[in-house]
Structure formats: structure tokens, C-alpha cells
Amino acid sequence: MTNSNLLGSWVRRFLLEYLVKDRNLSVNTQSSYRDMLLLLLTYANADLGKPVDRLEVNDLSPKLVRQFLIHIEQNRRCSAVTRNQRLGGLHALARFIGENSPDHLEWCTQIRLIPFKKVIHPTITYLNRAEMNAILA
């Protein structure tokens, strides 16, 4: 009998069943989610001092997730857009676990309440003739 609190079985199901079979997401998206989980699990291991295979769902507390997001922005020098992409993957994992395990609904809600960071996207307001020709060429 498997322990439904252990994170490893949820991560395996998320990557193999949910992303591939249920959602049929692109290979790039699957790789991005996998890489995010690798970074998160490595960070949780270092922060909690707990082996990755012994991590439980509740070990990924909202506080730890926020610290992880700060870590990837400051220490790994990722942009806010990358931070939001990683958080989107975490939200998807939380939603998957919450939908499949009522015991983890509280945890799911807390993780999904972590907000995305606002990002200003530059807009092109005016192009001169040379710039327009370069785009069209």
C-alpha cells in the first residue's frame, strides 16, 4: 500500500498521466514542468534536510513555495516571467493533487492562492518606415 502523502507518487502521476494522457500538453511544456519540479524538489531537499523520496505533499508549504520563488528570482537570476511560469506549473500540480485527493484540498487552496507577479509587457507603439520594412522583409 502506498502512502498518499508522499509527494513522489503524485509527481509521477502528474508528469506521466496528467500532462501526457489527460491534457496532451506539448513536449516543451512537459519538459518545463519537469524542470520546475526538479528545481523545487532540490530546493525543498536543501531547505528541509529531508530526502527527496521522503518528501510529503504538506512539506511543500506555501511558505516554502514562496521562498523557492524568491530563490529562483534572486539566486538563479530568473525573470518575473520565468517565476510566473514556474508558479503556473505549481498551480497545475496543486490542482491535480486537490482533484484526486480530498485530504489535500486545504493544501491545494493555499498553494493556488499564491499570486502571480505583475509583469509589464513592452508594447510597440510606433514603427518608422525602415522598421516596418525590416519586419515585412
C-alpha atoms as a PDB file:
ATOM      1  CA  MET A   1       0.000   0.000   0.000  1.00  0.00           C
ATOM      2  CA  THR A   2       1.374   3.420  -0.936  1.00  0.00           C
ATOM      3  CA  ASN A   3       1.300   6.461   1.295  1.00  0.00           C
ATOM      4  CA  SER A   4      -0.900   9.100  -0.378  1.00  0.00           C
ATOM      5  CA  ASN A   5       1.006  11.801   1.492  1.00  0.00           C
ATOM      6  CA  LEU A   6       4.308  11.014  -0.243  1.00  0.00           C
ATOM      7  CA  LEU A   7       4.981  13.516  -2.995  1.00  0.00           C
ATOM      8  CA  GLY A   8       6.843  11.115  -5.294  1.00  0.00           C
ATOM      9  CA  SER A   9       3.805   9.152  -6.427  1.00  0.00           C
ATOM     10  CA  TRP A  10       1.897  12.382  -7.101  1.00  0.00           C
ATOM     11  CA  VAL A  11       4.752  13.817  -9.145  1.00  0.00           C
ATOM     12  CA  ARG A  12       4.997  10.622 -11.216  1.00  0.00           C
ATOM     13  CA  ARG A  13       1.254  10.591 -11.885  1.00  0.00           C
ATOM     14  CA  PHE A  14       1.272  14.319 -12.676  1.00  0.00           C
ATOM     15  CA  LEU A  15       4.093  14.013 -15.206  1.00  0.00           C
ATOM     16  CA  LEU A  16       3.093  10.728 -16.836  1.00  0.00           C
ATOM     17  CA  GLU A  17      -0.684  10.608 -16.600  1.00  0.00           C
ATOM     18  CA  TYR A  18      -1.974  14.148 -16.265  1.00  0.00           C
ATOM     19  CA  LEU A  19       0.364  16.086 -18.553  1.00  0.00           C
ATOM     20  CA  VAL A  20       0.723  13.392 -21.211  1.00  0.00           C
ATOM     21  CA  LYS A  21      -2.517  11.404 -21.259  1.00  0.00           C
ATOM     22  CA  ASP A  22      -5.143  13.717 -19.800  1.00  0.00           C
ATOM     23  CA  ARG A  23      -4.001  17.117 -21.045  1.00  0.00           C
ATOM     24  CA  ASN A  24      -1.853  16.061 -24.022  1.00  0.00           C
ATOM     25  CA  LEU A  25       0.448  19.033 -23.438  1.00  0.00           C
ATOM     26  CA  SER A  26       3.373  19.726 -25.732  1.00  0.00           C
ATOM     27  CA  VAL A  27       6.752  18.143 -25.099  1.00  0.00           C
ATOM     28  CA  ASN A  28       8.165  21.593 -24.294  1.00  0.00           C
ATOM     29  CA  THR A  29       5.514  22.199 -21.638  1.00  0.00           C
ATOM     30  CA  GLN A  30       6.112  18.754 -20.157  1.00  0.00           C
ATOM     31  CA  SER A  31       9.850  19.479 -20.027  1.00  0.00           C
ATOM     32  CA  SER A  32       9.237  22.859 -18.412  1.00  0.00           C
ATOM     33  CA  TYR A  33       7.062  21.334 -15.679  1.00  0.00           C
ATOM     34  CA  ARG A  34       9.602  18.554 -15.144  1.00  0.00           C
ATOM     35  CA  ASP A  35      12.430  21.071 -14.809  1.00  0.00           C
ATOM     36  CA  MET A  36      10.385  23.164 -12.373  1.00  0.00           C
ATOM     37  CA  LEU A  37       9.755  20.104 -10.220  1.00  0.00           C
ATOM     38  CA  LEU A  38      13.434  19.173 -10.302  1.00  0.00           C
ATOM     39  CA  LEU A  39      14.366  22.651  -9.086  1.00  0.00           C
ATOM     40  CA  LEU A  40      11.631  22.656  -6.440  1.00  0.00           C
ATOM     41  CA  LEU A  41      12.454  19.211  -5.074  1.00  0.00           C
ATOM     42  CA  THR A  42      16.163  20.047  -4.942  1.00  0.00           C
ATOM     43  CA  TYR A  43      15.354  23.281  -3.110  1.00  0.00           C
ATOM     44  CA  ALA A  44      12.981  21.514  -0.678  1.00  0.00           C
ATOM     45  CA  ASN A  45      15.615  18.858  -0.001  1.00  0.00           C
ATOM     46  CA  ALA A  46      18.207  21.503   0.851  1.00  0.00           C
ATOM     47  CA  ASP A  47      15.798  23.635   2.878  1.00  0.00           C
ATOM     48  CA  LEU A  48      14.136  20.857   4.861  1.00  0.00           C
ATOM     49  CA  GLY A  49      17.066  18.448   5.027  1.00  0.00           C
ATOM     50  CA  LYS A  50      14.717  15.653   4.028  1.00  0.00           C
ATOM     51  CA  PRO A  51      15.499  13.128   1.274  1.00  0.00           C
ATOM     52  CA  VAL A  52      13.535  13.790  -1.904  1.00  0.00           C
ATOM     53  CA  ASP A  53      11.925  10.339  -1.811  1.00  0.00           C
ATOM     54  CA  ARG A  54      10.595  11.038   1.714  1.00  0.00           C
ATOM     55  CA  LEU A  55       9.050  14.443   0.937  1.00  0.00           C
ATOM     56  CA  GLU A  56       5.333  14.673   1.600  1.00  0.00           C
ATOM     57  CA  VAL A  57       2.755  16.902  -0.047  1.00  0.00           C
ATOM     58  CA  ASN A  58       2.430  19.124   3.022  1.00  0.00           C
ATOM     59  CA  ASP A  59       6.211  19.630   3.108  1.00  0.00           C
ATOM     60  CA  LEU A  60       5.683  21.944   0.127  1.00  0.00           C
ATOM     61  CA  SER A  61       4.096  24.577   2.332  1.00  0.00           C
ATOM     62  CA  PRO A  62       3.061  27.955   0.925  1.00  0.00           C
ATOM     63  CA  LYS A  63       5.983  29.481   2.846  1.00  0.00           C
ATOM     64  CA  LEU A  64       8.467  27.079   1.215  1.00  0.00           C
ATOM     65  CA  VAL A  65       6.957  27.723  -2.237  1.00  0.00           C
ATOM     66  CA  ARG A  66       7.252  31.499  -1.753  1.00  0.00           C
ATOM     67  CA  GLN A  67      10.869  31.076  -0.637  1.00  0.00           C
ATOM     68  CA  PHE A  68      11.509  28.917  -3.713  1.00  0.00           C
ATOM     69  CA  LEU A  69      10.068  31.611  -5.984  1.00  0.00           C
ATOM     70  CA  ILE A  70      12.297  34.232  -4.351  1.00  0.00           C
ATOM     71  CA  HIS A  71      15.256  31.857  -4.730  1.00  0.00           C
ATOM     72  CA  ILE A  72      14.767  31.404  -8.468  1.00  0.00           C
ATOM     73  CA  GLU A  73      14.469  35.151  -8.996  1.00  0.00           C
ATOM     74  CA  GLN A  74      17.391  36.227  -6.816  1.00  0.00           C
ATOM     75  CA  ASN A  75      19.866  33.331  -6.805  1.00  0.00           C
ATOM     76  CA  ARG A  76      19.173  31.882 -10.245  1.00  0.00           C
ATOM     77  CA  ARG A  77      18.534  35.357 -11.720  1.00  0.00           C
ATOM     78  CA  CYS A  78      15.308  34.354 -13.445  1.00  0.00           C
ATOM     79  CA  SER A  79      12.884  36.999 -14.640  1.00  0.00           C
ATOM     80  CA  ALA A  80       9.407  37.548 -13.233  1.00  0.00           C
ATOM     81  CA  VAL A  81       8.016  35.872 -16.355  1.00  0.00           C
ATOM     82  CA  THR A  82      10.012  32.710 -15.601  1.00  0.00           C
ATOM     83  CA  ARG A  83       8.933  32.897 -11.956  1.00  0.00           C
ATOM     84  CA  ASN A  84       5.292  33.059 -13.083  1.00  0.00           C
ATOM     85  CA  GLN A  85       5.824  30.119 -15.410  1.00  0.00           C
ATOM     86  CA  ARG A  86       7.207  28.040 -12.532  1.00  0.00           C
ATOM     87  CA  LEU A  87       4.305  29.115 -10.325  1.00  0.00           C
ATOM     88  CA  GLY A  88       1.855  28.126 -13.067  1.00  0.00           C
ATOM     89  CA  GLY A  89       3.331  24.639 -13.026  1.00  0.00           C
ATOM     90  CA  LEU A  90       2.976  24.505  -9.250  1.00  0.00           C
ATOM     91  CA  HIS A  91      -0.635  25.633  -9.502  1.00  0.00           C
ATOM     92  CA  ALA A  92      -1.275  22.844 -12.015  1.00  0.00           C
ATOM     93  CA  LEU A  93       0.318  20.276  -9.699  1.00  0.00           C
ATOM     94  CA  ALA A  94      -1.725  21.552  -6.748  1.00  0.00           C
ATOM     95  CA  ARG A  95      -4.935  21.420  -8.787  1.00  0.00           C
ATOM     96  CA  PHE A  96      -4.142  17.862  -9.886  1.00  0.00           C
ATOM     97  CA  ILE A  97      -3.471  16.679  -6.334  1.00  0.00           C
ATOM     98  CA  GLY A  98      -6.534  18.517  -4.990  1.00  0.00           C
ATOM     99  CA  GLU A  99      -8.816  16.980  -7.625  1.00  0.00           C
ATOM    100  CA  ASN A 100      -7.577  13.483  -6.837  1.00  0.00           C
ATOM    101  CA  SER A 101      -7.177  13.654  -3.067  1.00  0.00           C
ATOM    102  CA  PRO A 102      -9.784  15.415  -0.907  1.00  0.00           C
ATOM    103  CA  ASP A 103      -7.353  15.087   2.004  1.00  0.00           C
ATOM    104  CA  HIS A 104      -5.122  17.656   0.303  1.00  0.00           C
ATOM    105  CA  LEU A 105      -7.763  20.237  -0.656  1.00  0.00           C
ATOM    106  CA  GLU A 106      -6.628  22.694   2.031  1.00  0.00           C
ATOM    107  CA  TRP A 107      -3.033  22.460   0.807  1.00  0.00           C
ATOM    108  CA  CYS A 108      -4.186  22.851  -2.801  1.00  0.00           C
ATOM    109  CA  THR A 109      -6.121  26.012  -1.953  1.00  0.00           C
ATOM    110  CA  GLN A 110      -3.184  27.543  -0.101  1.00  0.00           C
ATOM    111  CA  ILE A 111      -0.770  26.886  -2.980  1.00  0.00           C
ATOM    112  CA  ARG A 112      -3.199  28.181  -5.605  1.00  0.00           C
ATOM    113  CA  LEU A 113      -3.665  31.405  -3.626  1.00  0.00           C
ATOM    114  CA  ILE A 114      -0.015  32.351  -4.191  1.00  0.00           C
ATOM    115  CA  PRO A 115      -0.338  35.181  -6.707  1.00  0.00           C
ATOM    116  CA  PHE A 116       1.484  35.692  -9.957  1.00  0.00           C
ATOM    117  CA  LYS A 117       3.811  38.668 -10.125  1.00  0.00           C
ATOM    118  CA  LYS A 118       2.662  41.500 -12.347  1.00  0.00           C
ATOM    119  CA  VAL A 119       4.818  41.934 -15.422  1.00  0.00           C
ATOM    120  CA  ILE A 120       4.861  44.890 -17.758  1.00  0.00           C
ATOM    121  CA  HIS A 121       4.993  43.748 -21.364  1.00  0.00           C
ATOM    122  CA  PRO A 122       6.580  46.320 -23.662  1.00  0.00           C
ATOM    123  CA  THR A 123       4.348  47.398 -26.499  1.00  0.00           C
ATOM    124  CA  ILE A 124       5.314  48.655 -29.915  1.00  0.00           C
ATOM    125  CA  THR A 125       3.509  51.934 -30.315  1.00  0.00           C
ATOM    126  CA  TYR A 126       5.089  53.297 -33.465  1.00  0.00           C
ATOM    127  CA  LEU A 127       7.237  51.952 -36.300  1.00  0.00           C
ATOM    128  CA  ASN A 128       9.052  54.147 -38.780  1.00  0.00           C
ATOM    129  CA  ARG A 129       9.311  53.160 -42.448  1.00  0.00           C
ATOM    130  CA  ALA A 130      12.679  51.364 -42.077  1.00  0.00           C
ATOM    131  CA  GLU A 131      11.443  49.327 -39.098  1.00  0.00           C
ATOM    132  CA  MET A 132       8.232  48.385 -40.931  1.00  0.00           C
ATOM    133  CA  ASN A 133      10.220  47.265 -43.980  1.00  0.00           C
ATOM    134  CA  ALA A 134      12.523  45.213 -41.741  1.00  0.00           C
ATOM    135  CA  ILE A 135       9.536  43.402 -40.183  1.00  0.00           C
ATOM    136  CA  LEU A 136       7.929  42.749 -43.557  1.00  0.00           C
ATOM    137  CA  ALA A 137      11.180  41.523 -45.112  1.00  0.00           C
END
